[in-house]
């Protein structure tokens, strides 16, 4: 009989965080000088608390930038591994526990439904494993499209996700809702799937990844984006999403404690498209939460809201305004590695 699997919550103890560095051949090329300092800040802040494993085309160049920024050198490891882009959350390994032992899952990554080239990204987990970056932790290839940003776990067999992403025709069109739930149970140990039918962010390429909208937090808490502006195109959908969240129940039948996040002012790219600025895209690490900020009047209120969910952790804001030019933010760039994986 196979061992029971469990997908840990992000707030459980971690060995470190994975990052993919921006480079000239990525979509960051036009704004590389503007965006690379954000990556430096993210990696430096993480290194103050835990380890950082980076894939990059130029190891020495990245090391020099991190050294100048004051990163903790002994907690930084860099592997020269190719990538199309930098959204490690979606092509990095998803780690479960089988019994007490970690197991790395390598799901198929198809560039968010064949929107972008992903041939290198789809091989990154395997190459990290071959390089010994993930020690001798077993790696299992899963014949299913799934991105880390599309799922949230409470570590206790409940998963939060969106219908638009997981049930979309550009991910696993051969699988029904019931078959996807069964696959999540088999691969991730999930017994309770909470499906959000409403909620979106204009400019988002991911088909409504949950980590841009609502996040599971300790003590049966959900932090979620909230739009109070009735004139904003998001207002109705996010009001409906809030109602759905209020209807959700834990496995023992209790409602969730809901904490709304403030709504950042609209931001637009050079082409006039709305950019998906969201405070929900925070990263939980050992002892701290890194929260994206956008040089916005609501940044401080967003930090305060996250602090309510994590009162015992340091809440650290990181200016992520440059990141949303490529339609993602802080959590999208990173993938935590739970305890017991890194060498």
C-alpha atoms as a PDB file:
ATOM      1  CA  UNK A   1       0.000   0.000   0.000  1.00  0.00           C
ATOM      2  CA  UNK A   2       1.491   3.403  -1.005  1.00  0.00           C
ATOM      3  CA  UNK A   3       2.410   5.864   1.738  1.00  0.00           C
ATOM      4  CA  UNK A   4       0.050   8.748   2.425  1.00  0.00           C
ATOM      5  CA  UNK A   5       1.112  12.003   0.777  1.00  0.00           C
ATOM      6  CA  UNK A   6       0.852  15.512   2.174  1.00  0.00           C
ATOM      7  CA  UNK A   7       1.460  18.861   0.506  1.00  0.00           C
ATOM      8  CA  UNK A   8       2.845  21.093   3.266  1.00  0.00           C
ATOM      9  CA  UNK A   9       1.619  24.626   3.817  1.00  0.00           C
ATOM     10  CA  UNK A  10       3.984  27.388   2.760  1.00  0.00           C
ATOM     11  CA  UNK A  11       4.318  28.585   6.352  1.00  0.00           C
ATOM     12  CA  UNK A  12       5.857  25.287   7.504  1.00  0.00           C
ATOM     13  CA  UNK A  13       9.627  25.113   8.001  1.00  0.00           C
ATOM     14  CA  UNK A  14      11.657  25.484   4.824  1.00  0.00           C
ATOM     15  CA  UNK A  15      15.164  24.588   3.692  1.00  0.00           C
ATOM     16  CA  UNK A  16      15.241  27.442   1.225  1.00  0.00           C
ATOM     17  CA  UNK A  17      13.767  29.151  -1.828  1.00  0.00           C
ATOM     18  CA  UNK A  18      14.387  28.619  -5.548  1.00  0.00           C
ATOM     19  CA  UNK A  19      14.836  31.528  -7.966  1.00  0.00           C
ATOM     20  CA  UNK A  20      15.451  31.819 -11.729  1.00  0.00           C
ATOM     21  CA  UNK A  21      17.518  34.885 -12.633  1.00  0.00           C
ATOM     22  CA  UNK A  22      16.482  37.321 -15.399  1.00  0.00           C
ATOM     23  CA  UNK A  23      18.749  37.444 -18.451  1.00  0.00           C
ATOM     24  CA  UNK A  24      19.183  38.997 -21.889  1.00  0.00           C
ATOM     25  CA  UNK A  25      17.344  36.176 -23.664  1.00  0.00           C
ATOM     26  CA  UNK A  26      14.271  36.408 -21.438  1.00  0.00           C
ATOM     27  CA  UNK A  27      11.295  38.737 -21.784  1.00  0.00           C
ATOM     28  CA  UNK A  28      13.020  40.988 -19.226  1.00  0.00           C
ATOM     29  CA  UNK A  29      15.573  42.119 -21.825  1.00  0.00           C
ATOM     30  CA  UNK A  30      14.120  45.617 -22.422  1.00  0.00           C
ATOM     31  CA  UNK A  31      13.952  46.408 -18.678  1.00  0.00           C
ATOM     32  CA  UNK A  32      16.750  44.219 -17.342  1.00  0.00           C
ATOM     33  CA  UNK A  33      18.577  47.067 -15.593  1.00  0.00           C
ATOM     34  CA  UNK A  34      15.363  48.084 -13.870  1.00  0.00           C
ATOM     35  CA  UNK A  35      14.230  44.628 -12.790  1.00  0.00           C
ATOM     36  CA  UNK A  36      17.476  42.922 -11.780  1.00  0.00           C
ATOM     37  CA  UNK A  37      17.829  45.010  -8.593  1.00  0.00           C
ATOM     38  CA  UNK A  38      14.435  43.635  -7.491  1.00  0.00           C
ATOM     39  CA  UNK A  39      15.765  40.086  -7.833  1.00  0.00           C
ATOM     40  CA  UNK A  40      18.866  41.112  -5.886  1.00  0.00           C
ATOM     41  CA  UNK A  41      16.686  42.504  -3.083  1.00  0.00           C
ATOM     42  CA  UNK A  42      14.487  39.391  -2.974  1.00  0.00           C
ATOM     43  CA  UNK A  43      17.458  37.010  -2.856  1.00  0.00           C
ATOM     44  CA  UNK A  44      19.265  39.139  -0.276  1.00  0.00           C
ATOM     45  CA  UNK A  45      16.259  39.333   2.044  1.00  0.00           C
ATOM     46  CA  UNK A  46      15.636  35.588   1.811  1.00  0.00           C
ATOM     47  CA  UNK A  47      19.305  34.876   2.562  1.00  0.00           C
ATOM     48  CA  UNK A  48      18.947  36.644   5.908  1.00  0.00           C
ATOM     49  CA  UNK A  49      16.510  33.899   6.961  1.00  0.00           C
ATOM     50  CA  UNK A  50      17.279  30.792   4.891  1.00  0.00           C
ATOM     51  CA  UNK A  51      19.023  29.437   1.820  1.00  0.00           C
ATOM     52  CA  UNK A  52      18.552  30.568  -1.780  1.00  0.00           C
ATOM     53  CA  UNK A  53      19.151  28.322  -4.797  1.00  0.00           C
ATOM     54  CA  UNK A  54      19.379  30.227  -8.073  1.00  0.00           C
ATOM     55  CA  UNK A  55      19.496  29.140 -11.696  1.00  0.00           C
ATOM     56  CA  UNK A  56      21.232  31.654 -13.937  1.00  0.00           C
ATOM     57  CA  UNK A  57      23.270  31.785 -17.157  1.00  0.00           C
ATOM     58  CA  UNK A  58      26.058  33.790 -15.479  1.00  0.00           C
ATOM     59  CA  UNK A  59      27.042  32.541 -12.030  1.00  0.00           C
ATOM     60  CA  UNK A  60      29.862  35.003 -11.355  1.00  0.00           C
ATOM     61  CA  UNK A  61      27.842  38.047 -12.365  1.00  0.00           C
ATOM     62  CA  UNK A  62      24.997  37.159 -10.035  1.00  0.00           C
ATOM     63  CA  UNK A  63      27.384  36.366  -7.176  1.00  0.00           C
ATOM     64  CA  UNK A  64      28.990  39.783  -7.505  1.00  0.00           C
ATOM     65  CA  UNK A  65      25.669  41.625  -7.448  1.00  0.00           C
ATOM     66  CA  UNK A  66      24.487  39.711  -4.370  1.00  0.00           C
ATOM     67  CA  UNK A  67      27.809  40.277  -2.592  1.00  0.00           C
ATOM     68  CA  UNK A  68      27.538  44.030  -3.126  1.00  0.00           C
ATOM     69  CA  UNK A  69      23.974  43.969  -1.765  1.00  0.00           C
ATOM     70  CA  UNK A  70      25.012  42.241   1.461  1.00  0.00           C
ATOM     71  CA  UNK A  71      23.482  38.825   0.835  1.00  0.00           C
ATOM     72  CA  UNK A  72      24.639  36.030   3.157  1.00  0.00           C
ATOM     73  CA  UNK A  73      27.100  34.309   0.827  1.00  0.00           C
ATOM     74  CA  UNK A  74      27.098  30.921   2.547  1.00  0.00           C
ATOM     75  CA  UNK A  75      23.341  30.677   2.031  1.00  0.00           C
ATOM     76  CA  UNK A  76      23.496  31.338  -1.726  1.00  0.00           C
ATOM     77  CA  UNK A  77      23.978  28.575  -4.304  1.00  0.00           C
ATOM     78  CA  UNK A  78      23.952  29.293  -8.040  1.00  0.00           C
ATOM     79  CA  UNK A  79      23.662  26.740 -10.836  1.00  0.00           C
ATOM     80  CA  UNK A  80      24.223  27.616 -14.485  1.00  0.00           C
ATOM     81  CA  UNK A  81      20.977  26.200 -15.866  1.00  0.00           C
ATOM     82  CA  UNK A  82      19.029  27.604 -18.810  1.00  0.00           C
ATOM     83  CA  UNK A  83      15.532  29.059 -18.553  1.00  0.00           C
ATOM     84  CA  UNK A  84      13.109  30.756 -20.889  1.00  0.00           C
ATOM     85  CA  UNK A  85      11.879  33.026 -18.147  1.00  0.00           C
ATOM     86  CA  UNK A  86      11.904  33.528 -14.389  1.00  0.00           C
ATOM     87  CA  UNK A  87       8.563  32.312 -12.993  1.00  0.00           C
ATOM     88  CA  UNK A  88       9.966  29.544 -10.802  1.00  0.00           C
ATOM     89  CA  UNK A  89       6.691  29.186  -8.908  1.00  0.00           C
ATOM     90  CA  UNK A  90       5.143  27.590 -11.961  1.00  0.00           C
ATOM     91  CA  UNK A  91       7.910  25.380 -13.344  1.00  0.00           C
ATOM     92  CA  UNK A  92       9.835  24.526 -10.170  1.00  0.00           C
ATOM     93  CA  UNK A  93       9.314  21.327  -8.177  1.00  0.00           C
ATOM     94  CA  UNK A  94       6.273  20.901  -5.966  1.00  0.00           C
ATOM     95  CA  UNK A  95       7.368  19.041  -2.832  1.00  0.00           C
ATOM     96  CA  UNK A  96       5.151  16.636  -0.925  1.00  0.00           C
ATOM     97  CA  UNK A  97       5.894  14.372   2.001  1.00  0.00           C
ATOM     98  CA  UNK A  98       5.411  10.628   1.736  1.00  0.00           C
ATOM     99  CA  UNK A  99       5.241   9.683   5.368  1.00  0.00           C
ATOM    100  CA  UNK A 100       8.087  11.786   6.795  1.00  0.00           C
ATOM    101  CA  UNK A 101      10.235  11.846   3.643  1.00  0.00           C
ATOM    102  CA  UNK A 102      10.098  14.567   0.970  1.00  0.00           C
ATOM    103  CA  UNK A 103       9.305  13.740  -2.652  1.00  0.00           C
ATOM    104  CA  UNK A 104       9.769  16.180  -5.536  1.00  0.00           C
ATOM    105  CA  UNK A 105       7.007  16.313  -8.140  1.00  0.00           C
ATOM    106  CA  UNK A 106       7.820  17.536 -11.646  1.00  0.00           C
ATOM    107  CA  UNK A 107       4.536  18.436 -13.328  1.00  0.00           C
ATOM    108  CA  UNK A 108       4.416  19.402 -16.983  1.00  0.00           C
ATOM    109  CA  UNK A 109       4.698  23.150 -17.639  1.00  0.00           C
ATOM    110  CA  UNK A 110       3.254  24.354 -20.950  1.00  0.00           C
ATOM    111  CA  UNK A 111       3.766  28.117 -20.658  1.00  0.00           C
ATOM    112  CA  UNK A 112       0.366  28.844 -19.053  1.00  0.00           C
ATOM    113  CA  UNK A 113      -1.614  27.102 -21.733  1.00  0.00           C
ATOM    114  CA  UNK A 114       0.813  27.451 -24.675  1.00  0.00           C
ATOM    115  CA  UNK A 115       0.968  31.248 -24.401  1.00  0.00           C
ATOM    116  CA  UNK A 116       4.767  31.418 -24.181  1.00  0.00           C
ATOM    117  CA  UNK A 117       7.829  29.295 -24.991  1.00  0.00           C
ATOM    118  CA  UNK A 118       8.589  26.948 -22.098  1.00  0.00           C
ATOM    119  CA  UNK A 119      10.948  24.247 -23.409  1.00  0.00           C
ATOM    120  CA  UNK A 120      13.813  25.252 -21.087  1.00  0.00           C
ATOM    121  CA  UNK A 121      11.599  26.049 -18.112  1.00  0.00           C
ATOM    122  CA  UNK A 122       9.928  22.661 -18.354  1.00  0.00           C
ATOM    123  CA  UNK A 123      13.329  20.995 -17.929  1.00  0.00           C
ATOM    124  CA  UNK A 124      14.586  23.183 -15.068  1.00  0.00           C
ATOM    125  CA  UNK A 125      13.434  20.931 -12.215  1.00  0.00           C
ATOM    126  CA  UNK A 126      14.996  17.881 -13.817  1.00  0.00           C
ATOM    127  CA  UNK A 127      18.260  19.748 -14.442  1.00  0.00           C
ATOM    128  CA  UNK A 128      18.367  21.035 -10.866  1.00  0.00           C
ATOM    129  CA  UNK A 129      17.916  17.480  -9.665  1.00  0.00           C
ATOM    130  CA  UNK A 130      20.629  16.162 -12.005  1.00  0.00           C
ATOM    131  CA  UNK A 131      22.994  18.878 -10.749  1.00  0.00           C
ATOM    132  CA  UNK A 132      22.560  17.655  -7.160  1.00  0.00           C
ATOM    133  CA  UNK A 133      20.951  20.938  -6.100  1.00  0.00           C
ATOM    134  CA  UNK A 134      18.099  19.022  -4.454  1.00  0.00           C
ATOM    135  CA  UNK A 135      20.312  16.402  -2.827  1.00  0.00           C
ATOM    136  CA  UNK A 136      19.155  12.819  -3.245  1.00  0.00           C
ATOM    137  CA  UNK A 137      15.476  13.615  -2.783  1.00  0.00           C
ATOM    138  CA  UNK A 138      13.512  11.385  -5.168  1.00  0.00           C
ATOM    139  CA  UNK A 139      11.976  13.049  -8.227  1.00  0.00           C
ATOM    140  CA  UNK A 140       8.694  11.879  -9.750  1.00  0.00           C
ATOM    141  CA  UNK A 141       7.539  13.081 -13.163  1.00  0.00           C
ATOM    142  CA  UNK A 142       3.780  13.649 -13.273  1.00  0.00           C
ATOM    143  CA  UNK A 143       1.910  13.476 -16.585  1.00  0.00           C
ATOM    144  CA  UNK A 144      -0.323  16.438 -15.837  1.00  0.00           C
ATOM    145  CA  UNK A 145      -0.095  20.189 -16.398  1.00  0.00           C
ATOM    146  CA  UNK A 146       0.001  22.000 -13.054  1.00  0.00           C
ATOM    147  CA  UNK A 147       1.648  25.231 -11.906  1.00  0.00           C
ATOM    148  CA  UNK A 148       2.609  26.002  -8.330  1.00  0.00           C
ATOM    149  CA  UNK A 149       0.896  29.385  -8.472  1.00  0.00           C
ATOM    150  CA  UNK A 150      -2.435  27.742  -9.215  1.00  0.00           C
ATOM    151  CA  UNK A 151      -2.741  25.910  -5.890  1.00  0.00           C
ATOM    152  CA  UNK A 152      -2.724  26.792  -2.183  1.00  0.00           C
ATOM    153  CA  UNK A 153      -2.402  24.169   0.571  1.00  0.00           C
ATOM    154  CA  UNK A 154      -3.151  24.392   4.280  1.00  0.00           C
ATOM    155  CA  UNK A 155      -0.936  21.359   4.959  1.00  0.00           C
ATOM    156  CA  UNK A 156      -4.005  19.467   6.188  1.00  0.00           C
ATOM    157  CA  UNK A 157      -5.429  18.007   2.977  1.00  0.00           C
ATOM    158  CA  UNK A 158      -7.317  21.131   1.835  1.00  0.00           C
ATOM    159  CA  UNK A 159      -6.451  22.847  -1.431  1.00  0.00           C
ATOM    160  CA  UNK A 160      -7.659  26.235  -2.708  1.00  0.00           C
ATOM    161  CA  UNK A 161      -7.687  26.859  -6.457  1.00  0.00           C
ATOM    162  CA  UNK A 162      -9.631  28.489  -9.299  1.00  0.00           C
ATOM    163  CA  UNK A 163     -11.924  26.937 -11.864  1.00  0.00           C
ATOM    164  CA  UNK A 164     -10.664  29.233 -14.617  1.00  0.00           C
ATOM    165  CA  UNK A 165      -7.136  27.853 -14.390  1.00  0.00           C
ATOM    166  CA  UNK A 166      -7.418  24.182 -13.469  1.00  0.00           C
ATOM    167  CA  UNK A 167     -10.537  23.533 -15.519  1.00  0.00           C
ATOM    168  CA  UNK A 168      -9.433  25.598 -18.520  1.00  0.00           C
ATOM    169  CA  UNK A 169      -9.155  23.927 -21.946  1.00  0.00           C
ATOM    170  CA  UNK A 170      -5.487  24.896 -22.298  1.00  0.00           C
ATOM    171  CA  UNK A 171      -4.210  22.830 -19.330  1.00  0.00           C
ATOM    172  CA  UNK A 172      -5.709  19.340 -19.085  1.00  0.00           C
ATOM    173  CA  UNK A 173      -8.664  19.268 -21.499  1.00  0.00           C
ATOM    174  CA  UNK A 174      -8.855  15.465 -21.333  1.00  0.00           C
ATOM    175  CA  UNK A 175      -9.651  15.552 -17.603  1.00  0.00           C
ATOM    176  CA  UNK A 176     -13.009  16.358 -16.026  1.00  0.00           C
ATOM    177  CA  UNK A 177     -13.359  18.280 -12.757  1.00  0.00           C
ATOM    178  CA  UNK A 178     -13.821  14.999 -10.891  1.00  0.00           C
ATOM    179  CA  UNK A 179     -10.740  13.489 -12.575  1.00  0.00           C
ATOM    180  CA  UNK A 180      -8.649  16.543 -11.691  1.00  0.00           C
ATOM    181  CA  UNK A 181      -9.788  16.302  -8.063  1.00  0.00           C
ATOM    182  CA  UNK A 182      -8.848  12.608  -8.088  1.00  0.00           C
ATOM    183  CA  UNK A 183      -5.415  13.458  -9.516  1.00  0.00           C
ATOM    184  CA  UNK A 184      -4.875  16.116  -6.832  1.00  0.00           C
ATOM    185  CA  UNK A 185      -5.786  13.510  -4.236  1.00  0.00           C
ATOM    186  CA  UNK A 186      -3.399  10.934  -5.648  1.00  0.00           C
ATOM    187  CA  UNK A 187      -0.404  13.203  -6.298  1.00  0.00           C
ATOM    188  CA  UNK A 188      -0.761  15.788  -3.510  1.00  0.00           C
ATOM    189  CA  UNK A 189      -2.820  13.979  -0.885  1.00  0.00           C
ATOM    190  CA  UNK A 190      -5.734  16.402  -1.127  1.00  0.00           C
ATOM    191  CA  UNK A 191      -9.109  15.395   0.296  1.00  0.00           C
ATOM    192  CA  UNK A 192     -10.894  18.742   0.131  1.00  0.00           C
ATOM    193  CA  UNK A 193     -10.696  21.031  -2.914  1.00  0.00           C
ATOM    194  CA  UNK A 194     -12.132  24.549  -2.613  1.00  0.00           C
ATOM    195  CA  UNK A 195     -12.942  25.847  -6.106  1.00  0.00           C
ATOM    196  CA  UNK A 196     -13.195  29.600  -6.669  1.00  0.00           C
ATOM    197  CA  UNK A 197     -15.460  30.366  -9.610  1.00  0.00           C
ATOM    198  CA  UNK A 198     -15.062  34.148  -9.508  1.00  0.00           C
ATOM    199  CA  UNK A 199     -12.162  36.577  -9.388  1.00  0.00           C
ATOM    200  CA  UNK A 200      -9.601  37.764 -11.919  1.00  0.00           C
ATOM    201  CA  UNK A 201      -6.907  40.380 -12.469  1.00  0.00           C
ATOM    202  CA  UNK A 202      -6.729  42.279 -15.733  1.00  0.00           C
ATOM    203  CA  UNK A 203      -3.388  41.740 -17.441  1.00  0.00           C
ATOM    204  CA  UNK A 204      -2.840  38.366 -15.785  1.00  0.00           C
ATOM    205  CA  UNK A 205      -1.451  35.726 -18.175  1.00  0.00           C
ATOM    206  CA  UNK A 206      -2.026  32.772 -15.856  1.00  0.00           C
ATOM    207  CA  UNK A 207      -5.802  32.362 -16.152  1.00  0.00           C
ATOM    208  CA  UNK A 208      -6.481  33.433 -12.569  1.00  0.00           C
ATOM    209  CA  UNK A 209      -3.760  31.813 -10.506  1.00  0.00           C
ATOM    210  CA  UNK A 210      -4.922  31.585  -6.920  1.00  0.00           C
ATOM    211  CA  UNK A 211      -1.730  33.224  -5.592  1.00  0.00           C
ATOM    212  CA  UNK A 212      -2.803  36.512  -7.201  1.00  0.00           C
ATOM    213  CA  UNK A 213      -6.259  36.435  -5.575  1.00  0.00           C
ATOM    214  CA  UNK A 214      -6.504  34.571  -2.253  1.00  0.00           C
ATOM    215  CA  UNK A 215      -4.011  32.877   0.055  1.00  0.00           C
ATOM    216  CA  UNK A 216      -4.409  30.246   2.743  1.00  0.00           C
ATOM    217  CA  UNK A 217      -2.760  31.284   5.998  1.00  0.00           C
ATOM    218  CA  UNK A 218      -2.385  29.765   9.507  1.00  0.00           C
ATOM    219  CA  UNK A 219      -5.330  29.298  11.876  1.00  0.00           C
ATOM    220  CA  UNK A 220      -7.913  28.779   9.120  1.00  0.00           C
ATOM    221  CA  UNK A 221      -7.337  32.244   7.680  1.00  0.00           C
ATOM    222  CA  UNK A 222      -7.650  33.399   4.072  1.00  0.00           C
ATOM    223  CA  UNK A 223      -6.137  36.700   2.943  1.00  0.00           C
ATOM    224  CA  UNK A 224      -7.708  37.942  -0.282  1.00  0.00           C
ATOM    225  CA  UNK A 225      -7.762  40.881  -2.672  1.00  0.00           C
ATOM    226  CA  UNK A 226     -10.696  43.235  -2.268  1.00  0.00           C
ATOM    227  CA  UNK A 227     -11.778  46.017  -4.619  1.00  0.00           C
ATOM    228  CA  UNK A 228     -13.946  48.755  -3.036  1.00  0.00           C
ATOM    229  CA  UNK A 229     -14.147  50.871  -6.196  1.00  0.00           C
ATOM    230  CA  UNK A 230     -17.529  50.294  -7.862  1.00  0.00           C
ATOM    231  CA  UNK A 231     -16.222  51.886 -11.062  1.00  0.00           C
ATOM    232  CA  UNK A 232     -13.321  49.442 -11.369  1.00  0.00           C
ATOM    233  CA  UNK A 233     -13.733  46.565 -13.838  1.00  0.00           C
ATOM    234  CA  UNK A 234     -12.790  44.112 -11.062  1.00  0.00           C
ATOM    235  CA  UNK A 235     -15.470  45.212  -8.594  1.00  0.00           C
ATOM    236  CA  UNK A 236     -18.271  42.756  -9.371  1.00  0.00           C
ATOM    237  CA  UNK A 237     -16.059  39.683  -9.831  1.00  0.00           C
ATOM    238  CA  UNK A 238     -14.131  40.337  -6.629  1.00  0.00           C
ATOM    239  CA  UNK A 239     -17.339  40.959  -4.669  1.00  0.00           C
ATOM    240  CA  UNK A 240     -18.555  37.570  -5.904  1.00  0.00           C
ATOM    241  CA  UNK A 241     -15.228  36.036  -4.939  1.00  0.00           C
ATOM    242  CA  UNK A 242     -15.532  37.426  -1.409  1.00  0.00           C
ATOM    243  CA  UNK A 243     -18.977  35.835  -1.119  1.00  0.00           C
ATOM    244  CA  UNK A 244     -17.596  32.498  -2.264  1.00  0.00           C
ATOM    245  CA  UNK A 245     -14.783  32.680   0.286  1.00  0.00           C
ATOM    246  CA  UNK A 246     -17.331  33.419   3.017  1.00  0.00           C
ATOM    247  CA  UNK A 247     -19.231  30.266   2.041  1.00  0.00           C
ATOM    248  CA  UNK A 248     -16.183  27.995   2.245  1.00  0.00           C
ATOM    249  CA  UNK A 249     -15.774  25.704   5.228  1.00  0.00           C
ATOM    250  CA  UNK A 250     -12.819  23.879   6.720  1.00  0.00           C
ATOM    251  CA  UNK A 251     -12.828  20.073   6.784  1.00  0.00           C
ATOM    252  CA  UNK A 252     -14.401  20.215  10.242  1.00  0.00           C
ATOM    253  CA  UNK A 253     -17.166  22.554   9.081  1.00  0.00           C
ATOM    254  CA  UNK A 254     -15.958  25.923  10.336  1.00  0.00           C
ATOM    255  CA  UNK A 255     -15.928  29.164   8.311  1.00  0.00           C
ATOM    256  CA  UNK A 256     -12.600  30.755   7.496  1.00  0.00           C
ATOM    257  CA  UNK A 257     -11.334  33.929   9.078  1.00  0.00           C
ATOM    258  CA  UNK A 258     -11.182  36.360   6.142  1.00  0.00           C
ATOM    259  CA  UNK A 259      -8.743  39.276   5.902  1.00  0.00           C
ATOM    260  CA  UNK A 260      -9.220  41.632   2.922  1.00  0.00           C
ATOM    261  CA  UNK A 261      -6.225  43.250   1.292  1.00  0.00           C
ATOM    262  CA  UNK A 262      -6.333  46.838   0.043  1.00  0.00           C
ATOM    263  CA  UNK A 263      -6.577  47.564  -3.653  1.00  0.00           C
ATOM    264  CA  UNK A 264      -3.558  49.220  -5.309  1.00  0.00           C
ATOM    265  CA  UNK A 265      -4.136  52.060  -7.740  1.00  0.00           C
ATOM    266  CA  UNK A 266      -4.439  50.977 -11.389  1.00  0.00           C
ATOM    267  CA  UNK A 267      -1.122  50.586 -13.191  1.00  0.00           C
ATOM    268  CA  UNK A 268      -0.696  50.364 -16.947  1.00  0.00           C
ATOM    269  CA  UNK A 269       2.088  49.217 -19.240  1.00  0.00           C
ATOM    270  CA  UNK A 270       3.556  51.168 -22.130  1.00  0.00           C
ATOM    271  CA  UNK A 271       0.994  49.509 -24.403  1.00  0.00           C
ATOM    272  CA  UNK A 272      -1.836  50.786 -22.225  1.00  0.00           C
ATOM    273  CA  UNK A 273      -2.727  47.357 -20.822  1.00  0.00           C
ATOM    274  CA  UNK A 274      -3.720  47.142 -17.165  1.00  0.00           C
ATOM    275  CA  UNK A 275      -0.964  45.495 -15.112  1.00  0.00           C
ATOM    276  CA  UNK A 276      -1.866  42.880 -12.470  1.00  0.00           C
ATOM    277  CA  UNK A 277      -0.659  44.549  -9.281  1.00  0.00           C
ATOM    278  CA  UNK A 278      -1.707  42.431  -6.296  1.00  0.00           C
ATOM    279  CA  UNK A 279      -0.703  42.377  -2.649  1.00  0.00           C
ATOM    280  CA  UNK A 280      -1.752  38.721  -2.408  1.00  0.00           C
ATOM    281  CA  UNK A 281       1.447  37.635  -4.151  1.00  0.00           C
ATOM    282  CA  UNK A 282       3.508  37.537  -0.945  1.00  0.00           C
ATOM    283  CA  UNK A 283       6.161  34.943  -0.077  1.00  0.00           C
ATOM    284  CA  UNK A 284       6.226  33.200   3.311  1.00  0.00           C
ATOM    285  CA  UNK A 285       9.688  32.194   4.550  1.00  0.00           C
ATOM    286  CA  UNK A 286      11.151  31.109   7.882  1.00  0.00           C
ATOM    287  CA  UNK A 287      10.461  33.944  10.308  1.00  0.00           C
ATOM    288  CA  UNK A 288       9.230  36.480   7.770  1.00  0.00           C
ATOM    289  CA  UNK A 289       6.785  37.315   4.991  1.00  0.00           C
ATOM    290  CA  UNK A 290       8.023  39.253   1.953  1.00  0.00           C
ATOM    291  CA  UNK A 291       5.183  41.394   0.616  1.00  0.00           C
ATOM    292  CA  UNK A 292       5.138  43.085  -2.795  1.00  0.00           C
ATOM    293  CA  UNK A 293       4.649  46.847  -2.761  1.00  0.00           C
ATOM    294  CA  UNK A 294       4.043  49.153  -5.718  1.00  0.00           C
ATOM    295  CA  UNK A 295       4.982  52.679  -4.631  1.00  0.00           C
ATOM    296  CA  UNK A 296       1.300  53.027  -3.834  1.00  0.00           C
ATOM    297  CA  UNK A 297      -0.649  54.871  -1.147  1.00  0.00           C
ATOM    298  CA  UNK A 298      -2.046  51.513   0.044  1.00  0.00           C
ATOM    299  CA  UNK A 299       1.305  49.769   0.511  1.00  0.00           C
ATOM    300  CA  UNK A 300       1.392  50.340   4.276  1.00  0.00           C
ATOM    301  CA  UNK A 301      -2.174  49.119   4.718  1.00  0.00           C
ATOM    302  CA  UNK A 302      -1.277  45.974   2.763  1.00  0.00           C
ATOM    303  CA  UNK A 303       1.655  45.249   5.070  1.00  0.00           C
ATOM    304  CA  UNK A 304      -0.646  45.733   8.057  1.00  0.00           C
ATOM    305  CA  UNK A 305      -3.209  43.308   6.624  1.00  0.00           C
ATOM    306  CA  UNK A 306      -0.595  40.600   6.067  1.00  0.00           C
ATOM    307  CA  UNK A 307       0.700  41.219   9.600  1.00  0.00           C
ATOM    308  CA  UNK A 308      -2.733  40.258  10.964  1.00  0.00           C
ATOM    309  CA  UNK A 309      -2.324  36.825   9.392  1.00  0.00           C
ATOM    310  CA  UNK A 310       1.306  36.429  10.484  1.00  0.00           C
ATOM    311  CA  UNK A 311       1.669  38.342  13.770  1.00  0.00           C
ATOM    312  CA  UNK A 312       4.797  36.461  14.847  1.00  0.00           C
ATOM    313  CA  UNK A 313       6.796  37.019  11.653  1.00  0.00           C
ATOM    314  CA  UNK A 314       8.695  40.001  10.309  1.00  0.00           C
ATOM    315  CA  UNK A 315       6.681  41.675   7.518  1.00  0.00           C
ATOM    316  CA  UNK A 316       9.036  43.030   4.871  1.00  0.00           C
ATOM    317  CA  UNK A 317       7.906  45.090   1.905  1.00  0.00           C
ATOM    318  CA  UNK A 318       9.748  44.766  -1.404  1.00  0.00           C
ATOM    319  CA  UNK A 319       9.156  47.248  -4.232  1.00  0.00           C
ATOM    320  CA  UNK A 320       7.841  45.028  -7.036  1.00  0.00           C
ATOM    321  CA  UNK A 321       6.570  47.729  -9.366  1.00  0.00           C
ATOM    322  CA  UNK A 322       9.101  46.718 -12.066  1.00  0.00           C
ATOM    323  CA  UNK A 323       7.970  43.073 -11.899  1.00  0.00           C
ATOM    324  CA  UNK A 324       4.387  43.672 -12.976  1.00  0.00           C
ATOM    325  CA  UNK A 325       5.658  44.897 -16.356  1.00  0.00           C
ATOM    326  CA  UNK A 326       5.880  41.188 -17.176  1.00  0.00           C
ATOM    327  CA  UNK A 327       2.518  40.518 -15.482  1.00  0.00           C
ATOM    328  CA  UNK A 328       3.761  38.773 -12.335  1.00  0.00           C
ATOM    329  CA  UNK A 329       5.062  39.569  -8.880  1.00  0.00           C
ATOM    330  CA  UNK A 330       7.066  38.287  -5.921  1.00  0.00           C
ATOM    331  CA  UNK A 331       5.446  34.936  -5.152  1.00  0.00           C
ATOM    332  CA  UNK A 332       5.366  34.059  -8.856  1.00  0.00           C
ATOM    333  CA  UNK A 333       9.167  34.325  -9.024  1.00  0.00           C
ATOM    334  CA  UNK A 334       9.889  31.992  -6.127  1.00  0.00           C
ATOM    335  CA  UNK A 335       9.326  28.405  -5.032  1.00  0.00           C
ATOM    336  CA  UNK A 336       9.898  27.350  -1.443  1.00  0.00           C
ATOM    337  CA  UNK A 337      11.721  24.101  -0.680  1.00  0.00           C
ATOM    338  CA  UNK A 338      10.319  22.412   2.453  1.00  0.00           C
ATOM    339  CA  UNK A 339      12.517  21.019   5.194  1.00  0.00           C
ATOM    340  CA  UNK A 340      14.512  17.897   4.351  1.00  0.00           C
ATOM    341  CA  UNK A 341      15.267  18.540   0.669  1.00  0.00           C
ATOM    342  CA  UNK A 342      18.398  20.663   0.266  1.00  0.00           C
ATOM    343  CA  UNK A 343      21.841  19.126   0.768  1.00  0.00           C
END
